[in-house]
């Protein structure tokens, strides 16, 4: 088993809509503009200072568009749509009457 060490002050992404998350990022940047440090802003909004720094850098290099939330689509499916349909059909059909797997009480091949 591989154990991945967790950061001491790991802060997960807050729940909420993309608009709420983007508003939080803009609030952090306003606080930076007011003269607060990365650490102070992070504590004020409940975020890691490294995230605040990343948002600041993103704004400088990509403008407001860079602050938008980009959701990850997740892991690609292992089966194609056709394969999933085929599995559903087979499951709905039920167990095969002439299965090659031995039934209870029989010895296998």
Protein backbone atom coordinates (compact mmCIF):
# COMPACT_ATOMS: atom_id res chain seq x y z
CA UNK A 1 0.00 0.00 0.00
CA UNK A 2 1.33 3.42 -0.95
CA UNK A 3 0.66 6.22 1.51
CA UNK A 4 0.69 9.72 0.10
CA UNK A 5 1.50 12.30 2.76
CA UNK A 6 -1.08 15.03 3.14
CA UNK A 7 -0.11 18.65 3.45
CA UNK A 8 -0.44 19.92 6.98
CA UNK A 9 -2.84 22.72 6.03
CA UNK A 10 -4.51 21.27 2.94
CA UNK A 11 -7.64 23.22 2.06
CA UNK A 12 -10.07 21.55 -0.33
CA UNK A 13 -11.82 23.55 -3.03
CA UNK A 14 -14.96 25.05 -1.54
CA UNK A 15 -18.33 23.70 -2.57
CA UNK A 16 -20.48 25.99 -4.60
CA UNK A 17 -21.20 27.23 -8.04
CA UNK A 18 -18.54 28.42 -10.42
CA UNK A 19 -19.76 31.98 -9.78
CA UNK A 20 -19.13 31.63 -6.02
CA UNK A 21 -15.66 30.21 -6.55
CA UNK A 22 -14.75 32.94 -9.03
CA UNK A 23 -16.11 35.61 -6.66
CA UNK A 24 -13.87 34.20 -3.91
CA UNK A 25 -10.86 34.47 -6.21
CA UNK A 26 -11.70 38.08 -7.09
CA UNK A 27 -12.15 38.88 -3.39
CA UNK A 28 -8.69 37.46 -2.69
CA UNK A 29 -7.18 39.64 -5.40
CA UNK A 30 -8.93 42.76 -4.05
CA UNK A 31 -7.45 42.03 -0.62
CA UNK A 32 -3.99 41.69 -2.20
CA UNK A 33 -4.50 45.07 -3.89
CA UNK A 34 -5.38 46.55 -0.50
CA UNK A 35 -1.93 45.56 0.73
CA UNK A 36 -2.55 42.29 2.58
CA UNK A 37 0.09 39.57 2.24
CA UNK A 38 -0.51 36.21 0.55
CA UNK A 39 -0.64 34.53 3.97
CA UNK A 40 -3.10 37.06 5.36
CA UNK A 41 -5.39 36.78 2.35
CA UNK A 42 -5.24 32.99 2.50
CA UNK A 43 -6.30 33.03 6.16
CA UNK A 44 -9.04 35.58 5.51
CA UNK A 45 -10.73 33.60 2.75
CA UNK A 46 -9.82 30.09 3.96
CA UNK A 47 -7.42 29.23 1.19
CA UNK A 48 -3.79 28.25 0.85
CA UNK A 49 -1.42 31.18 0.18
CA UNK A 50 -0.09 29.26 -2.83
CA UNK A 51 -3.59 29.32 -4.36
CA UNK A 52 -3.82 33.07 -3.83
CA UNK A 53 -0.43 33.46 -5.51
CA UNK A 54 -1.56 31.25 -8.43
CA UNK A 55 -4.71 33.37 -8.91
CA UNK A 56 -2.65 36.57 -8.81
CA UNK A 57 -0.24 35.22 -11.41
CA UNK A 58 -3.09 33.91 -13.58
CA UNK A 59 -4.78 37.31 -13.57
CA UNK A 60 -1.55 39.03 -14.56
CA UNK A 61 -0.83 36.63 -17.41
CA UNK A 62 -4.33 35.80 -18.67
CA UNK A 63 -6.71 38.48 -17.39
CA UNK A 64 -10.16 37.87 -15.93
CA UNK A 65 -10.65 34.84 -18.18
CA UNK A 66 -7.85 33.04 -16.32
CA UNK A 67 -9.86 33.23 -13.07
CA UNK A 68 -12.74 31.20 -14.47
CA UNK A 69 -13.40 27.77 -12.99
CA UNK A 70 -12.54 24.88 -15.26
CA UNK A 71 -14.18 21.63 -14.21
CA UNK A 72 -12.37 18.39 -14.85
CA UNK A 73 -14.41 15.90 -16.87
CA UNK A 74 -12.92 13.03 -14.84
CA UNK A 75 -11.43 9.77 -15.97
CA UNK A 76 -12.43 8.68 -19.47
CA UNK A 77 -14.80 5.68 -19.55
CA UNK A 78 -13.21 2.26 -19.97
CA UNK A 79 -16.08 1.07 -22.18
CA UNK A 80 -17.53 2.59 -25.30
CA UNK A 81 -21.22 3.51 -25.44
CA UNK A 82 -21.85 0.43 -27.62
CA UNK A 83 -20.14 -1.84 -25.09
CA UNK A 84 -22.20 -0.38 -22.24
CA UNK A 85 -25.42 -0.98 -24.21
CA UNK A 86 -24.37 -4.57 -24.87
CA UNK A 87 -23.73 -5.20 -21.17
CA UNK A 88 -27.12 -3.76 -20.22
CA UNK A 89 -28.82 -5.99 -22.81
CA UNK A 90 -27.04 -9.07 -21.46
CA UNK A 91 -27.90 -8.21 -17.87
CA UNK A 92 -31.56 -7.65 -18.71
CA UNK A 93 -31.64 -10.95 -20.61
CA UNK A 94 -30.62 -12.87 -17.49
CA UNK A 95 -28.34 -15.84 -16.97
CA UNK A 96 -27.60 -17.96 -20.00
CA UNK A 97 -29.22 -21.40 -19.92
CA UNK A 98 -26.17 -23.19 -21.36
CA UNK A 99 -23.39 -21.51 -19.45
CA UNK A 100 -19.92 -23.02 -19.56
CA UNK A 101 -19.49 -22.27 -15.86
CA UNK A 102 -20.27 -25.30 -13.65
CA UNK A 103 -23.39 -24.96 -11.52
CA UNK A 104 -23.52 -25.75 -7.79
CA UNK A 105 -22.49 -29.26 -6.91
CA UNK A 106 -20.78 -30.02 -10.23
CA UNK A 107 -17.05 -30.41 -10.68
CA UNK A 108 -15.39 -28.19 -13.23
CA UNK A 109 -13.71 -29.56 -16.29
